[in-house]
PDB file of N, CA and C in Angstrom:
ATOM      1  N   MET A   1     -15.486  82.249  -0.619  1.00  0.00           N
ATOM      2  CA  MET A   1     -14.212  81.523   0.572  1.00  0.00           C
ATOM      3  C   MET A   1     -14.634  80.328   1.509  1.00  0.00           C
ATOM      4  N   VAL A   2     -13.882  79.854   1.775  1.00  0.00           N
ATOM      5  CA  VAL A   2     -13.904  78.412   2.397  1.00  0.00           C
ATOM      6  C   VAL A   2     -13.767  78.143   4.151  1.00  0.00           C
ATOM      7  N   ARG A   3     -14.928  77.710   3.679  1.00  0.00           N
ATOM      8  CA  ARG A   3     -15.765  77.505   5.572  1.00  0.00           C
ATOM      9  C   ARG A   3     -14.752  76.579   6.347  1.00  0.00           C
ATOM     10  N   THR A   4     -14.173  76.985   6.952  1.00  0.00           N
ATOM     11  CA  THR A   4     -13.195  75.852   8.362  1.00  0.00           C
ATOM     12  C   THR A   4     -13.502  76.654   9.537  1.00  0.00           C
ATOM     13  N   GLN A   5     -13.282  75.393  10.448  1.00  0.00           N
ATOM     14  CA  GLN A   5     -13.031  75.489  11.872  1.00  0.00           C
ATOM     15  C   GLN A   5     -11.780  75.482  12.608  1.00  0.00           C
ATOM     16  N   ILE A   6     -11.266  76.232  13.142  1.00  0.00           N
ATOM     17  CA  ILE A   6     -10.391  76.494  14.176  1.00  0.00           C
ATOM     18  C   ILE A   6     -10.603  76.076  15.712  1.00  0.00           C
ATOM     19  N   GLN A   7      -9.700  75.625  16.615  1.00  0.00           N
ATOM     20  CA  GLN A   7      -9.913  75.541  18.066  1.00  0.00           C
ATOM     21  C   GLN A   7      -9.179  77.210  18.303  1.00  0.00           C
ATOM     22  N   LEU A   8      -9.379  77.690  19.372  1.00  0.00           N
ATOM     23  CA  LEU A   8      -8.562  78.976  19.846  1.00  0.00           C
ATOM     24  C   LEU A   8      -8.759  78.642  21.557  1.00  0.00           C
ATOM     25  N   THR A   9      -7.971  79.182  22.102  1.00  0.00           N
ATOM     26  CA  THR A   9      -7.941  79.128  23.565  1.00  0.00           C
ATOM     27  C   THR A   9      -8.656  79.951  24.186  1.00  0.00           C
ATOM     28  N   GLN A  10      -8.829  79.839  25.636  1.00  0.00           N
ATOM     29  CA  GLN A  10     -10.058  81.005  26.098  1.00  0.00           C
ATOM     30  C   GLN A  10      -9.838  82.854  25.888  1.00  0.00           C
ATOM     31  N   GLU A  11      -8.562  82.636  26.224  1.00  0.00           N
ATOM     32  CA  GLU A  11      -7.652  83.873  25.927  1.00  0.00           C
ATOM     33  C   GLU A  11      -7.890  84.488  24.518  1.00  0.00           C
ATOM     34  N   GLN A  12      -7.490  83.749  23.979  1.00  0.00           N
ATOM     35  CA  GLN A  12      -7.691  83.961  22.115  1.00  0.00           C
ATOM     36  C   GLN A  12      -9.134  84.360  21.778  1.00  0.00           C
ATOM     37  N   PHE A  13     -10.191  83.594  22.361  1.00  0.00           N
ATOM     38  CA  PHE A  13     -11.357  83.877  21.988  1.00  0.00           C
ATOM     39  C   PHE A  13     -11.692  85.179  22.085  1.00  0.00           C
ATOM     40  N   GLU A  14     -11.351  85.516  23.685  1.00  0.00           N
ATOM     41  CA  GLU A  14     -12.180  86.502  24.204  1.00  0.00           C
ATOM     42  C   GLU A  14     -11.110  87.833  23.997  1.00  0.00           C
ATOM     43  N   ALA A  15     -10.139  88.116  23.245  1.00  0.00           N
ATOM     44  CA  ALA A  15      -9.168  89.061  22.785  1.00  0.00           C
ATOM     45  C   ALA A  15     -10.036  89.168  21.314  1.00  0.00           C
ATOM     46  N   VAL A  16     -10.173  88.423  20.530  1.00  0.00           N
ATOM     47  CA  VAL A  16     -10.847  88.170  18.850  1.00  0.00           C
ATOM     48  C   VAL A  16     -11.964  88.747  19.171  1.00  0.00           C
ATOM     49  N   LYS A  17     -13.051  88.281  20.204  1.00  0.00           N
ATOM     50  CA  LYS A  17     -14.201  89.257  20.310  1.00  0.00           C
ATOM     51  C   LYS A  17     -14.276  90.486  20.549  1.00  0.00           C
ATOM     52  N   ARG A  18     -13.014  91.013  21.484  1.00  0.00           N
ATOM     53  CA  ARG A  18     -13.136  92.496  21.844  1.00  0.00           C
ATOM     54  C   ARG A  18     -12.745  93.065  20.797  1.00  0.00           C
ATOM     55  N   THR A  19     -11.476  92.345  20.129  1.00  0.00           N
ATOM     56  CA  THR A  19     -11.019  93.427  18.725  1.00  0.00           C
ATOM     57  C   THR A  19     -12.336  93.533  17.886  1.00  0.00           C
ATOM     58  N   ALA A  20     -12.962  92.671  17.427  1.00  0.00           N
ATOM     59  CA  ALA A  20     -14.024  92.543  16.763  1.00  0.00           C
ATOM     60  C   ALA A  20     -14.871  93.730  16.985  1.00  0.00           C
ATOM     61  N   ALA A  21     -15.326  93.719  18.497  1.00  0.00           N
ATOM     62  CA  ALA A  21     -16.356  94.583  18.755  1.00  0.00           C
ATOM     63  C   ALA A  21     -15.668  96.201  18.986  1.00  0.00           C
ATOM     64  N   SER A  22     -14.571  95.981  18.916  1.00  0.00           N
ATOM     65  CA  SER A  22     -14.090  97.780  18.890  1.00  0.00           C
ATOM     66  C   SER A  22     -13.664  97.982  17.909  1.00  0.00           C
ATOM     67  N   ARG A  23     -13.447  97.235  16.680  1.00  0.00           N
ATOM     68  CA  ARG A  23     -13.382  97.471  15.357  1.00  0.00           C
ATOM     69  C   ARG A  23     -14.774  97.126  14.603  1.00  0.00           C
ATOM     70  N   ASN A  24     -15.769  96.914  15.006  1.00  0.00           N
ATOM     71  CA  ASN A  24     -16.998  96.774  14.490  1.00  0.00           C
ATOM     72  C   ASN A  24     -16.980  95.690  13.251  1.00  0.00           C
ATOM     73  N   ILE A  25     -16.574  94.372  13.426  1.00  0.00           N
ATOM     74  CA  ILE A  25     -16.513  93.917  12.425  1.00  0.00           C
ATOM     75  C   ILE A  25     -16.282  92.370  12.962  1.00  0.00           C
ATOM     76  N   SER A  26     -16.761  91.496  12.088  1.00  0.00           N
ATOM     77  CA  SER A  26     -17.061  90.046  12.398  1.00  0.00           C
ATOM     78  C   SER A  26     -15.687  89.377  13.303  1.00  0.00           C
ATOM     79  N   SER A  27     -16.044  88.458  14.149  1.00  0.00           N
ATOM     80  CA  SER A  27     -14.347  87.636  14.708  1.00  0.00           C
ATOM     81  C   SER A  27     -13.968  87.166  13.355  1.00  0.00           C
ATOM     82  N   ALA A  28     -14.771  86.103  12.553  1.00  0.00           N
ATOM     83  CA  ALA A  28     -14.060  85.830  11.170  1.00  0.00           C
ATOM     84  C   ALA A  28     -13.412  86.915  10.537  1.00  0.00           C
ATOM     85  N   GLU A  29     -13.565  87.918  10.113  1.00  0.00           N
ATOM     86  CA  GLU A  29     -13.038  89.057  10.017  1.00  0.00           C
ATOM     87  C   GLU A  29     -11.546  89.318  10.566  1.00  0.00           C
ATOM     88  N   VAL A  30     -11.486  89.649  11.919  1.00  0.00           N
ATOM     89  CA  VAL A  30     -10.293  89.937  12.976  1.00  0.00           C
ATOM     90  C   VAL A  30      -9.617  88.560  12.430  1.00  0.00           C
ATOM     91  N   ILE A  31     -10.198  87.633  12.348  1.00  0.00           N
ATOM     92  CA  ILE A  31      -9.066  85.951  12.059  1.00  0.00           C
ATOM     93  C   ILE A  31      -8.714  86.370  10.886  1.00  0.00           C
ATOM     94  N   ARG A  32      -9.402  86.551   9.771  1.00  0.00           N
ATOM     95  CA  ARG A  32      -8.507  86.669   8.596  1.00  0.00           C
ATOM     96  C   ARG A  32      -7.894  88.034   8.041  1.00  0.00           C
ATOM     97  N   GLN A  33      -7.980  88.724   8.933  1.00  0.00           N
ATOM     98  CA  GLN A  33      -6.792  89.583   8.682  1.00  0.00           C
ATOM     99  C   GLN A  33      -5.691  89.564   9.623  1.00  0.00           C
ATOM    100  N   ALA A  34      -5.886  88.861  10.844  1.00  0.00           N
ATOM    101  CA  ALA A  34      -4.524  88.211  11.526  1.00  0.00           C
ATOM    102  C   ALA A  34      -3.487  87.549  10.499  1.00  0.00           C
ATOM    103  N   ILE A  35      -4.357  86.660   9.694  1.00  0.00           N
ATOM    104  CA  ILE A  35      -3.921  85.634   8.902  1.00  0.00           C
ATOM    105  C   ILE A  35      -2.965  86.643   7.906  1.00  0.00           C
ATOM    106  N   GLU A  36      -3.985  86.984   7.105  1.00  0.00           N
ATOM    107  CA  GLU A  36      -3.235  87.736   6.241  1.00  0.00           C
ATOM    108  C   GLU A  36      -1.992  88.607   6.666  1.00  0.00           C
ATOM    109  N   THR A  37      -1.876  89.432   7.622  1.00  0.00           N
ATOM    110  CA  THR A  37      -1.002  90.105   8.303  1.00  0.00           C
ATOM    111  C   THR A  37       0.165  89.013   8.550  1.00  0.00           C
ATOM    112  N   LEU A  38      -0.250  88.042   9.043  1.00  0.00           N
ATOM    113  CA  LEU A  38       0.723  86.963   9.296  1.00  0.00           C
ATOM    114  C   LEU A  38       1.526  86.434   7.892  1.00  0.00           C
ATOM    115  N   LEU A  39       0.886  86.200   6.595  1.00  0.00           N
ATOM    116  CA  LEU A  39       1.223  85.720   5.720  1.00  0.00           C
ATOM    117  C   LEU A  39       2.320  86.854   4.957  1.00  0.00           C
ATOM    118  N   LYS A  40       1.371  88.065   5.168  1.00  0.00           N
ATOM    119  CA  LYS A  40       2.849  88.876   4.456  1.00  0.00           C
ATOM    120  C   LYS A  40       3.831  89.587   5.017  1.00  0.00           C
ATOM    121  N   SER A  41       3.987  89.361   6.069  1.00  0.00           N
ATOM    122  CA  SER A  41       5.316  89.882   6.976  1.00  0.00           C
ATOM    123  C   SER A  41       6.373  88.650   6.735  1.00  0.00           C
ATOM    124  N   ARG A  42       5.588  87.373   6.677  1.00  0.00           N
ATOM    125  CA  ARG A  42       6.908  86.124   5.992  1.00  0.00           C
ATOM    126  C   ARG A  42       7.009  86.013   5.109  1.00  0.00           C
ATOM    127  N   GLY A  43       6.377  87.046   3.894  1.00  0.00           N
ATOM    128  CA  GLY A  43       6.529  86.789   2.460  1.00  0.00           C
ATOM    129  C   GLY A  43       6.039  85.600   1.783  1.00  0.00           C
ATOM    130  N   VAL A  44       4.902  85.102   2.466  1.00  0.00           N
ATOM    131  CA  VAL A  44       4.122  83.516   2.380  1.00  0.00           C
ATOM    132  C   VAL A  44       2.898  84.209   1.202  1.00  0.00           C
ATOM    133  N   LEU A  45       3.096  84.630   0.127  1.00  0.00           N
ATOM    134  CA  LEU A  45       2.036  85.001  -0.813  1.00  0.00           C
ATOM    135  C   LEU A  45       1.672  84.133  -1.469  1.00  0.00           C
ATOM    136  N   ASP A  46       0.842  83.837  -2.495  1.00  0.00           N
ATOM    137  CA  ASP A  46       0.476  82.700  -3.395  1.00  0.00           C
ATOM    138  C   ASP A  46       0.973  83.267  -4.713  1.00  0.00           C
ATOM    139  N   GLU A  47       1.744  82.612  -5.901  1.00  0.00           N
ATOM    140  CA  GLU A  47       2.007  83.511  -7.261  1.00  0.00           C
ATOM    141  C   GLU A  47       0.516  83.994  -7.681  1.00  0.00           C
ATOM    142  N   GLY A  48      -0.481  83.943  -7.604  1.00  0.00           N
ATOM    143  CA  GLY A  48      -1.512  84.713  -8.286  1.00  0.00           C
ATOM    144  C   GLY A  48      -1.846  86.027  -7.776  1.00  0.00           C
ATOM    145  N   HIS A  49      -1.307  85.625  -6.469  1.00  0.00           N
ATOM    146  CA  HIS A  49      -1.711  87.066  -6.069  1.00  0.00           C
ATOM    147  C   HIS A  49      -0.571  88.091  -6.224  1.00  0.00           C
ATOM    148  N   LYS A  50       0.521  87.833  -6.212  1.00  0.00           N
ATOM    149  CA  LYS A  50       2.165  88.515  -6.232  1.00  0.00           C
ATOM    150  C   LYS A  50       1.690  88.878  -7.689  1.00  0.00           C
ATOM    151  N   ARG A  51       1.271  88.318  -8.934  1.00  0.00           N
ATOM    152  CA  ARG A  51       1.016  88.936  -9.947  1.00  0.00           C
ATOM    153  C   ARG A  51      -0.112  89.740  -9.915  1.00  0.00           C
ATOM    154  N   SER A  52      -0.891  89.419  -9.080  1.00  0.00           N
ATOM    155  CA  SER A  52      -2.582  90.409  -9.433  1.00  0.00           C
ATOM    156  C   SER A  52      -2.090  92.187  -8.841  1.00  0.00           C
ATOM    157  N   ARG A  53      -0.659  91.526  -7.629  1.00  0.00           N
ATOM    158  CA  ARG A  53      -0.428  92.933  -7.171  1.00  0.00           C
ATOM    159  C   ARG A  53       0.748  93.924  -7.948  1.00  0.00           C
ATOM    160  N   ALA A  54       1.421  93.098  -8.757  1.00  0.00           N
ATOM    161  CA  ALA A  54       2.423  93.335  -9.772  1.00  0.00           C
ATOM    162  C   ALA A  54       1.430  94.194 -11.378  1.00  0.00           C
ATOM    163  N   LEU A  55       0.645  93.425 -11.686  1.00  0.00           N
ATOM    164  CA  LEU A  55      -0.103  94.019 -12.629  1.00  0.00           C
ATOM    165  C   LEU A  55      -0.802  95.736 -11.974  1.00  0.00           C
ATOM    166  N   LYS A  56      -1.176  95.518 -10.720  1.00  0.00           N
ATOM    167  CA  LYS A  56      -1.676  96.877 -10.223  1.00  0.00           C
ATOM    168  C   LYS A  56      -0.740  98.069 -10.597  1.00  0.00           C
ATOM    169  N   ALA A  57       0.239  97.475 -10.193  1.00  0.00           N
ATOM    170  CA  ALA A  57       1.361  98.664  -9.863  1.00  0.00           C
ATOM    171  C   ALA A  57       1.805  98.662 -11.044  1.00  0.00           C
ATOM    172  N   ALA A  58       1.582  97.884 -12.443  1.00  0.00           N
ATOM    173  CA  ALA A  58       2.276  98.213 -13.853  1.00  0.00           C
ATOM    174  C   ALA A  58       1.541  99.620 -14.249  1.00  0.00           C
ATOM    175  N   GLY A  59       2.491 100.440 -14.487  1.00  0.00           N
ATOM    176  CA  GLY A  59       1.961 101.749 -14.950  1.00  0.00           C
ATOM    177  C   GLY A  59       1.139 102.931 -14.330  1.00  0.00           C
ATOM    178  N   ALA A  60       1.087 102.454 -12.873  1.00  0.00           N
ATOM    179  CA  ALA A  60       0.906 103.354 -11.895  1.00  0.00           C
ATOM    180  C   ALA A  60       1.716 104.410 -11.783  1.00  0.00           C
ATOM    181  N   PHE A  61       2.881 104.564 -12.030  1.00  0.00           N
ATOM    182  CA  PHE A  61       3.968 105.539 -11.924  1.00  0.00           C
ATOM    183  C   PHE A  61       4.403 106.255 -12.890  1.00  0.00           C
ATOM    184  N   ARG A  62       4.326 107.098 -12.836  1.00  0.00           N
ATOM    185  CA  ARG A  62       5.662 108.097 -13.318  1.00  0.00           C
ATOM    186  C   ARG A  62       6.930 108.679 -13.522  1.00  0.00           C
ATOM    187  N   SER A  63       7.751 108.343 -14.389  1.00  0.00           N
ATOM    188  CA  SER A  63       9.667 108.343 -14.178  1.00  0.00           C
ATOM    189  C   SER A  63       9.509 109.657 -15.277  1.00  0.00           C
ATOM    190  N   GLY A  64       8.831 110.408 -15.867  1.00  0.00           N
ATOM    191  CA  GLY A  64       9.159 111.292 -16.535  1.00  0.00           C
ATOM    192  C   GLY A  64      10.090 111.034 -17.653  1.00  0.00           C
ATOM    193  N   SER A  65      10.668 109.964 -17.777  1.00  0.00           N
ATOM    194  CA  SER A  65      11.528 109.571 -18.923  1.00  0.00           C
ATOM    195  C   SER A  65      10.546 109.141 -20.234  1.00  0.00           C
ATOM    196  N   HIS A  66      10.818 108.829 -21.006  1.00  0.00           N
ATOM    197  CA  HIS A  66      10.037 108.085 -21.624  1.00  0.00           C
ATOM    198  C   HIS A  66      10.554 107.147 -22.452  1.00  0.00           C
ATOM    199  N   ASP A  67      11.722 106.968 -22.053  1.00  0.00           N
ATOM    200  CA  ASP A  67      12.679 106.060 -23.277  1.00  0.00           C
ATOM    201  C   ASP A  67      12.861 104.759 -22.223  1.00  0.00           C
ATOM    202  N   VAL A  68      11.877 104.399 -21.257  1.00  0.00           N
ATOM    203  CA  VAL A  68      12.656 103.319 -19.951  1.00  0.00           C
ATOM    204  C   VAL A  68      12.301 102.104 -20.403  1.00  0.00           C
ATOM    205  N   SER A  69      11.421 102.078 -21.426  1.00  0.00           N
ATOM    206  CA  SER A  69      11.135 100.711 -22.022  1.00  0.00           C
ATOM    207  C   SER A  69      12.237 100.027 -22.939  1.00  0.00           C
ATOM    208  N   LYS A  70      13.129 101.095 -23.431  1.00  0.00           N
ATOM    209  CA  LYS A  70      14.867 100.898 -24.379  1.00  0.00           C
ATOM    210  C   LYS A  70      15.895 100.584 -23.299  1.00  0.00           C
ATOM    211  N   HIS A  71      15.706 101.511 -22.025  1.00  0.00           N
ATOM    212  CA  HIS A  71      16.941 101.606 -21.410  1.00  0.00           C
ATOM    213  C   HIS A  71      16.659 101.285 -19.561  1.00  0.00           C
ATOM    214  N   HIS A  72      15.945 100.278 -19.931  1.00  0.00           N
ATOM    215  CA  HIS A  72      15.600 100.221 -18.532  1.00  0.00           C
ATOM    216  C   HIS A  72      16.860  99.791 -17.430  1.00  0.00           C
ATOM    217  N   ASP A  73      17.463  98.925 -18.622  1.00  0.00           N
ATOM    218  CA  ASP A  73      19.012  98.230 -17.602  1.00  0.00           C
ATOM    219  C   ASP A  73      19.862  99.521 -17.455  1.00  0.00           C
ATOM    220  N   ALA A  74      19.807 100.356 -17.964  1.00  0.00           N
ATOM    221  CA  ALA A  74      20.481 101.421 -18.073  1.00  0.00           C
ATOM    222  C   ALA A  74      19.939 102.363 -16.719  1.00  0.00           C
ATOM    223  N   TYR A  75      18.914 102.537 -16.779  1.00  0.00           N
ATOM    224  CA  TYR A  75      18.709 103.192 -15.712  1.00  0.00           C
ATOM    225  C   TYR A  75      18.528 102.315 -14.325  1.00  0.00           C
ATOM    226  N   LEU A  76      18.086 101.108 -14.239  1.00  0.00           N
ATOM    227  CA  LEU A  76      18.595 100.295 -13.168  1.00  0.00           C
ATOM    228  C   LEU A  76      20.037 100.349 -12.137  1.00  0.00           C
ATOM    229  N   ALA A  77      20.867 100.179 -13.579  1.00  0.00           N
ATOM    230  CA  ALA A  77      22.164 100.303 -13.407  1.00  0.00           C
ATOM    231  C   ALA A  77      22.595 101.628 -12.758  1.00  0.00           C
ATOM    232  N   GLU A  78      22.356 102.752 -12.965  1.00  0.00           N
ATOM    233  CA  GLU A  78      22.418 103.840 -12.321  1.00  0.00           C
ATOM    234  C   GLU A  78      21.598 103.924 -11.165  1.00  0.00           C
ATOM    235  N   ALA A  79      20.815 103.423 -10.914  1.00  0.00           N
ATOM    236  CA  ALA A  79      20.005 103.767  -9.506  1.00  0.00           C
ATOM    237  C   ALA A  79      20.970 103.269  -8.456  1.00  0.00           C
ATOM    238  N   TYR A  80      21.485 101.563  -9.058  1.00  0.00           N
ATOM    239  CA  TYR A  80      22.082 100.804  -7.732  1.00  0.00           C
ATOM    240  C   TYR A  80      23.789 101.459  -7.963  1.00  0.00           C
ATOM    241  N   ASP A  81      24.055 102.186  -8.500  1.00  0.00           N
ATOM    242  CA  ASP A  81      25.583 102.524  -8.208  1.00  0.00           C
ATOM    243  C   ASP A  81      25.730 103.935  -7.477  1.00  0.00           C
ATOM    244  N   GLU A  82      24.896 104.367  -7.018  1.00  0.00           N
ATOM    245  CA  GLU A  82      24.541 105.480  -6.612  1.00  0.00           C
ATOM    246  C   GLU A  82      25.907 105.486  -5.128  1.00  0.00           C
TER     247      GLU A  82
END
């Protein structure tokens, strides 16, 4: 992790403290989670993170078909022509 400093308004500071206390986590964790949520919602994920997520998903699902690697284009065309 990288250490950084931020400035919050009094209202933001109090809201972060309340949230941290209610979730039994640190204020820093509340801020990290808020930043992560913002970045995900705006599609701002670095390429390494995108690649990692894609690799985790690869092979995680079963289609029931055994020839998907050979006929993937046909399956995609069929799926989007509905």
